[in-house]
Amino acid sequence: MWKDMIDVNLTGVFHTAKVAIPKLIEQGEGGSMVFTSSIGGLKGIQHVAHYVSAKHGIVGLMRTMSNELAPYDIRVNTVHPTNVATIMVKNPGTYSMFVPDDPEPTEEKAVPGMIGLNSLAVPWVECDDITNAILYLTSDDGRYVTGTTMTVDAGAFTK
């Protein structure tokens, strides 16, 4: 499980960037790369050390690449969501993490625990919230933003 998590969530990001970077440099117009991490890339979360380690690794990769690619006017940043309303979060396996003693975990039963992760009283953010953060970072409005970790987390990082 450890190797699979690191391979997909960290090594996969590295290989994707490695393929994109030469083309971005060759075009000579600068650019922007945004890696999706997690609040788990900024703080420890119990019982998911493999995931947290991979997501922390993405931050190190981003910070290194933001320095290496700045001379080419290529910006590199990370986005760090809390739970997002996707099938990764909205499924019985995830629900069981929030109601571990319940043999039949449901969304309704898990929501109070999910809300407890965040400072704002929401169990998750929407996909559009993450998309909008990425759009900002890749737009002209974010033209001077590089090497940063942007949280879209309903306050989960500070809690």
C-alpha atoms as a PDB file:
ATOM      1  CA  MET A   1       0.000   0.000   0.000  1.00  0.00           C
ATOM      2  CA  TRP A   2       2.897   2.374   0.853  1.00  0.00           C
ATOM      3  CA  LYS A   3       4.623   1.855  -2.499  1.00  0.00           C
ATOM      4  CA  ASP A   4       1.415   2.220  -4.501  1.00  0.00           C
ATOM      5  CA  MET A   5       0.536   5.460  -2.714  1.00  0.00           C
ATOM      6  CA  ILE A   6       3.988   6.994  -3.256  1.00  0.00           C
ATOM      7  CA  ASP A   7       4.103   5.772  -6.867  1.00  0.00           C
ATOM      8  CA  VAL A   8       0.749   7.294  -7.794  1.00  0.00           C
ATOM      9  CA  ASN A   9       0.627  10.429  -5.644  1.00  0.00           C
ATOM     10  CA  LEU A  10       4.269  11.537  -5.793  1.00  0.00           C
ATOM     11  CA  THR A  11       6.212   9.694  -8.476  1.00  0.00           C
ATOM     12  CA  GLY A  12       3.319  10.121 -10.923  1.00  0.00           C
ATOM     13  CA  VAL A  13       3.346  13.880 -10.338  1.00  0.00           C
ATOM     14  CA  PHE A  14       7.116  13.978 -10.882  1.00  0.00           C
ATOM     15  CA  HIS A  15       6.901  12.045 -14.163  1.00  0.00           C
ATOM     16  CA  THR A  16       4.050  14.216 -15.438  1.00  0.00           C
ATOM     17  CA  ALA A  17       6.014  17.382 -14.683  1.00  0.00           C
ATOM     18  CA  LYS A  18       9.162  15.900 -16.199  1.00  0.00           C
ATOM     19  CA  VAL A  19       7.327  15.404 -19.502  1.00  0.00           C
ATOM     20  CA  ALA A  20       5.700  18.871 -19.490  1.00  0.00           C
ATOM     21  CA  ILE A  21       8.703  20.978 -18.475  1.00  0.00           C
ATOM     22  CA  PRO A  22      10.792  20.682 -21.679  1.00  0.00           C
ATOM     23  CA  LYS A  23       7.817  21.794 -23.788  1.00  0.00           C
ATOM     24  CA  LEU A  24       7.104  24.736 -21.482  1.00  0.00           C
ATOM     25  CA  ILE A  25      10.742  25.826 -21.653  1.00  0.00           C
ATOM     26  CA  GLU A  26      10.923  25.307 -25.426  1.00  0.00           C
ATOM     27  CA  GLN A  27       7.858  27.504 -26.017  1.00  0.00           C
ATOM     28  CA  GLY A  28       9.653  30.363 -24.298  1.00  0.00           C
ATOM     29  CA  GLU A  29       6.414  31.931 -23.035  1.00  0.00           C
ATOM     30  CA  GLY A  30       6.580  30.933 -19.381  1.00  0.00           C
ATOM     31  CA  GLY A  31       3.715  29.062 -17.867  1.00  0.00           C
ATOM     32  CA  SER A  32       2.228  27.603 -14.758  1.00  0.00           C
ATOM     33  CA  MET A  33       2.030  24.190 -13.146  1.00  0.00           C
ATOM     34  CA  VAL A  34      -0.225  23.406 -10.205  1.00  0.00           C
ATOM     35  CA  PHE A  35       0.079  20.187  -8.247  1.00  0.00           C
ATOM     36  CA  THR A  36      -2.893  18.990  -6.221  1.00  0.00           C
ATOM     37  CA  SER A  37      -1.824  18.020  -2.733  1.00  0.00           C
ATOM     38  CA  SER A  38      -4.038  17.953   0.359  1.00  0.00           C
ATOM     39  CA  ILE A  39      -4.195  19.427   3.826  1.00  0.00           C
ATOM     40  CA  GLY A  40      -2.335  16.195   4.501  1.00  0.00           C
ATOM     41  CA  GLY A  41       0.570  17.759   2.606  1.00  0.00           C
ATOM     42  CA  LEU A  42       0.842  20.456   5.277  1.00  0.00           C
ATOM     43  CA  LYS A  43       0.113  18.608   8.523  1.00  0.00           C
ATOM     44  CA  GLY A  44       0.015  15.107   9.929  1.00  0.00           C
ATOM     45  CA  ILE A  45      -3.174  13.070   9.825  1.00  0.00           C
ATOM     46  CA  GLN A  46      -3.477   9.889  11.837  1.00  0.00           C
ATOM     47  CA  HIS A  47      -3.765   6.489  10.146  1.00  0.00           C
ATOM     48  CA  VAL A  48      -2.792   7.648   6.638  1.00  0.00           C
ATOM     49  CA  ALA A  49       0.990   8.065   6.880  1.00  0.00           C
ATOM     50  CA  HIS A  50       1.500   6.830   3.320  1.00  0.00           C
ATOM     51  CA  TYR A  51      -0.892   9.455   1.933  1.00  0.00           C
ATOM     52  CA  VAL A  52       0.474  12.267   4.116  1.00  0.00           C
ATOM     53  CA  SER A  53       4.053  11.395   3.144  1.00  0.00           C
ATOM     54  CA  ALA A  54       3.235  11.477  -0.567  1.00  0.00           C
ATOM     55  CA  LYS A  55       1.395  14.786  -0.252  1.00  0.00           C
ATOM     56  CA  HIS A  56       4.244  16.348   1.772  1.00  0.00           C
ATOM     57  CA  GLY A  57       6.596  15.160  -0.962  1.00  0.00           C
ATOM     58  CA  ILE A  58       4.593  17.091  -3.542  1.00  0.00           C
ATOM     59  CA  VAL A  59       5.240  20.284  -1.569  1.00  0.00           C
ATOM     60  CA  GLY A  60       8.989  19.661  -1.628  1.00  0.00           C
ATOM     61  CA  LEU A  61       8.852  18.919  -5.341  1.00  0.00           C
ATOM     62  CA  MET A  62       6.870  22.106  -5.987  1.00  0.00           C
ATOM     63  CA  ARG A  63       9.231  24.287  -3.951  1.00  0.00           C
ATOM     64  CA  THR A  64      12.258  22.893  -5.746  1.00  0.00           C
ATOM     65  CA  MET A  65      10.700  23.227  -9.192  1.00  0.00           C
ATOM     66  CA  SER A  66       9.457  26.751  -8.470  1.00  0.00           C
ATOM     67  CA  ASN A  67      13.084  27.778  -7.929  1.00  0.00           C
ATOM     68  CA  GLU A  68      14.458  25.786 -10.853  1.00  0.00           C
ATOM     69  CA  LEU A  69      11.830  26.994 -13.331  1.00  0.00           C
ATOM     70  CA  ALA A  70      11.581  30.655 -12.287  1.00  0.00           C
ATOM     71  CA  PRO A  71      14.335  31.688 -14.743  1.00  0.00           C
ATOM     72  CA  TYR A  72      12.018  30.453 -17.511  1.00  0.00           C
ATOM     73  CA  ASP A  73       9.058  32.408 -16.085  1.00  0.00           C
ATOM     74  CA  ILE A  74       7.328  29.150 -15.190  1.00  0.00           C
ATOM     75  CA  ARG A  75       5.394  29.260 -11.929  1.00  0.00           C
ATOM     76  CA  VAL A  76       4.823  26.181  -9.787  1.00  0.00           C
ATOM     77  CA  ASN A  77       2.325  25.983  -6.915  1.00  0.00           C
ATOM     78  CA  THR A  78       0.265  23.479  -4.947  1.00  0.00           C
ATOM     79  CA  VAL A  79      -3.396  23.430  -3.948  1.00  0.00           C
ATOM     80  CA  HIS A  80      -4.361  21.805  -0.636  1.00  0.00           C
ATOM     81  CA  PRO A  81      -8.013  20.812  -0.257  1.00  0.00           C
ATOM     82  CA  THR A  82      -9.820  19.430   2.741  1.00  0.00           C
ATOM     83  CA  ASN A  83     -12.363  16.714   1.901  1.00  0.00           C
ATOM     84  CA  VAL A  84     -13.814  17.300  -1.555  1.00  0.00           C
ATOM     85  CA  ALA A  85     -17.248  16.085  -2.664  1.00  0.00           C
ATOM     86  CA  THR A  86     -15.894  13.311  -4.893  1.00  0.00           C
ATOM     87  CA  ILE A  87     -16.187   9.533  -4.784  1.00  0.00           C
ATOM     88  CA  MET A  88     -12.885   9.436  -2.905  1.00  0.00           C
ATOM     89  CA  VAL A  89     -14.702  11.027   0.056  1.00  0.00           C
ATOM     90  CA  LYS A  90     -18.319  10.098  -0.567  1.00  0.00           C
ATOM     91  CA  ASN A  91     -18.133   6.333  -0.141  1.00  0.00           C
ATOM     92  CA  PRO A  92     -18.697   3.793   2.662  1.00  0.00           C
ATOM     93  CA  GLY A  93     -14.952   3.205   3.154  1.00  0.00           C
ATOM     94  CA  THR A  94     -14.333   6.854   3.936  1.00  0.00           C
ATOM     95  CA  TYR A  95     -17.511   7.122   5.987  1.00  0.00           C
ATOM     96  CA  SER A  96     -16.254   4.243   8.137  1.00  0.00           C
ATOM     97  CA  MET A  97     -13.201   6.323   9.104  1.00  0.00           C
ATOM     98  CA  PHE A  98     -15.580   8.793  10.751  1.00  0.00           C
ATOM     99  CA  VAL A  99     -17.856   6.197  12.395  1.00  0.00           C
ATOM    100  CA  PRO A 100     -15.446   3.279  12.912  1.00  0.00           C
ATOM    101  CA  ASP A 101     -17.707   1.277  15.239  1.00  0.00           C
ATOM    102  CA  ASP A 102     -20.704   1.383  12.908  1.00  0.00           C
ATOM    103  CA  PRO A 103     -21.122  -1.761  10.762  1.00  0.00           C
ATOM    104  CA  GLU A 104     -23.154   0.222   8.206  1.00  0.00           C
ATOM    105  CA  PRO A 105     -21.556   3.664   7.808  1.00  0.00           C
ATOM    106  CA  THR A 106     -23.513   6.198   5.800  1.00  0.00           C
ATOM    107  CA  GLU A 107     -22.942   9.753   4.645  1.00  0.00           C
ATOM    108  CA  GLU A 108     -25.488  11.007   7.164  1.00  0.00           C
ATOM    109  CA  LYS A 109     -23.663   9.313  10.041  1.00  0.00           C
ATOM    110  CA  ALA A 110     -20.210  10.463   8.867  1.00  0.00           C
ATOM    111  CA  VAL A 111     -21.022  14.131   8.198  1.00  0.00           C
ATOM    112  CA  PRO A 112     -20.686  15.317  11.836  1.00  0.00           C
ATOM    113  CA  GLY A 113     -17.159  13.878  12.012  1.00  0.00           C
ATOM    114  CA  MET A 114     -16.269  15.352   8.641  1.00  0.00           C
ATOM    115  CA  ILE A 115     -17.502  18.762   9.748  1.00  0.00           C
ATOM    116  CA  GLY A 116     -15.278  18.381  12.802  1.00  0.00           C
ATOM    117  CA  LEU A 117     -12.193  18.423  10.561  1.00  0.00           C
ATOM    118  CA  ASN A 118     -12.895  21.970   9.403  1.00  0.00           C
ATOM    119  CA  SER A 119     -13.175  25.351  11.105  1.00  0.00           C
ATOM    120  CA  LEU A 120     -16.113  26.250   8.867  1.00  0.00           C
ATOM    121  CA  ALA A 121     -19.168  24.089   9.466  1.00  0.00           C
ATOM    122  CA  VAL A 122     -19.025  22.115   6.214  1.00  0.00           C
ATOM    123  CA  PRO A 123     -18.128  18.448   5.706  1.00  0.00           C
ATOM    124  CA  TRP A 124     -16.374  19.083   2.393  1.00  0.00           C
ATOM    125  CA  VAL A 125     -15.731  21.623  -0.330  1.00  0.00           C
ATOM    126  CA  GLU A 126     -16.984  21.301  -3.896  1.00  0.00           C
ATOM    127  CA  CYS A 127     -14.900  20.438  -6.952  1.00  0.00           C
ATOM    128  CA  ASP A 128     -15.536  23.926  -8.346  1.00  0.00           C
ATOM    129  CA  ASP A 129     -13.806  25.425  -5.305  1.00  0.00           C
ATOM    130  CA  ILE A 130     -10.607  23.585  -6.216  1.00  0.00           C
ATOM    131  CA  THR A 131     -11.006  24.385  -9.901  1.00  0.00           C
ATOM    132  CA  ASN A 132     -11.362  28.091  -9.131  1.00  0.00           C
ATOM    133  CA  ALA A 133      -8.168  28.082  -7.056  1.00  0.00           C
ATOM    134  CA  ILE A 134      -6.286  26.411  -9.894  1.00  0.00           C
ATOM    135  CA  LEU A 135      -7.747  28.846 -12.419  1.00  0.00           C
ATOM    136  CA  TYR A 136      -6.494  31.748 -10.308  1.00  0.00           C
ATOM    137  CA  LEU A 137      -3.009  30.280  -9.986  1.00  0.00           C
ATOM    138  CA  THR A 138      -2.763  29.643 -13.728  1.00  0.00           C
ATOM    139  CA  SER A 139      -4.316  32.958 -14.801  1.00  0.00           C
ATOM    140  CA  ASP A 140      -2.762  36.364 -15.354  1.00  0.00           C
ATOM    141  CA  ASP A 141      -4.178  37.349 -11.948  1.00  0.00           C
ATOM    142  CA  GLY A 142      -1.747  34.872 -10.399  1.00  0.00           C
ATOM    143  CA  ARG A 143       1.181  35.892 -12.592  1.00  0.00           C
ATOM    144  CA  TYR A 144       3.471  36.628  -9.643  1.00  0.00           C
ATOM    145  CA  VAL A 145       2.432  33.709  -7.461  1.00  0.00           C
ATOM    146  CA  THR A 146       4.960  30.878  -7.378  1.00  0.00           C
ATOM    147  CA  GLY A 147       6.257  28.495  -4.768  1.00  0.00           C
ATOM    148  CA  THR A 148       3.127  28.788  -2.672  1.00  0.00           C
ATOM    149  CA  THR A 149       0.789  26.359  -0.968  1.00  0.00           C
ATOM    150  CA  MET A 150      -2.821  27.474  -1.418  1.00  0.00           C
ATOM    151  CA  THR A 151      -5.314  25.931   0.974  1.00  0.00           C
ATOM    152  CA  VAL A 152      -8.947  25.467  -0.011  1.00  0.00           C
ATOM    153  CA  ASP A 153      -9.822  23.744   3.188  1.00  0.00           C
ATOM    154  CA  ALA A 154     -12.647  25.390   5.114  1.00  0.00           C
ATOM    155  CA  GLY A 155     -10.077  26.105   7.821  1.00  0.00           C
ATOM    156  CA  ALA A 156      -8.944  22.487   8.278  1.00  0.00           C
ATOM    157  CA  PHE A 157      -5.237  23.329   8.236  1.00  0.00           C
ATOM    158  CA  THR A 158      -5.489  25.779  11.111  1.00  0.00           C
ATOM    159  CA  LYS A 159      -7.758  23.567  13.211  1.00  0.00           C
END
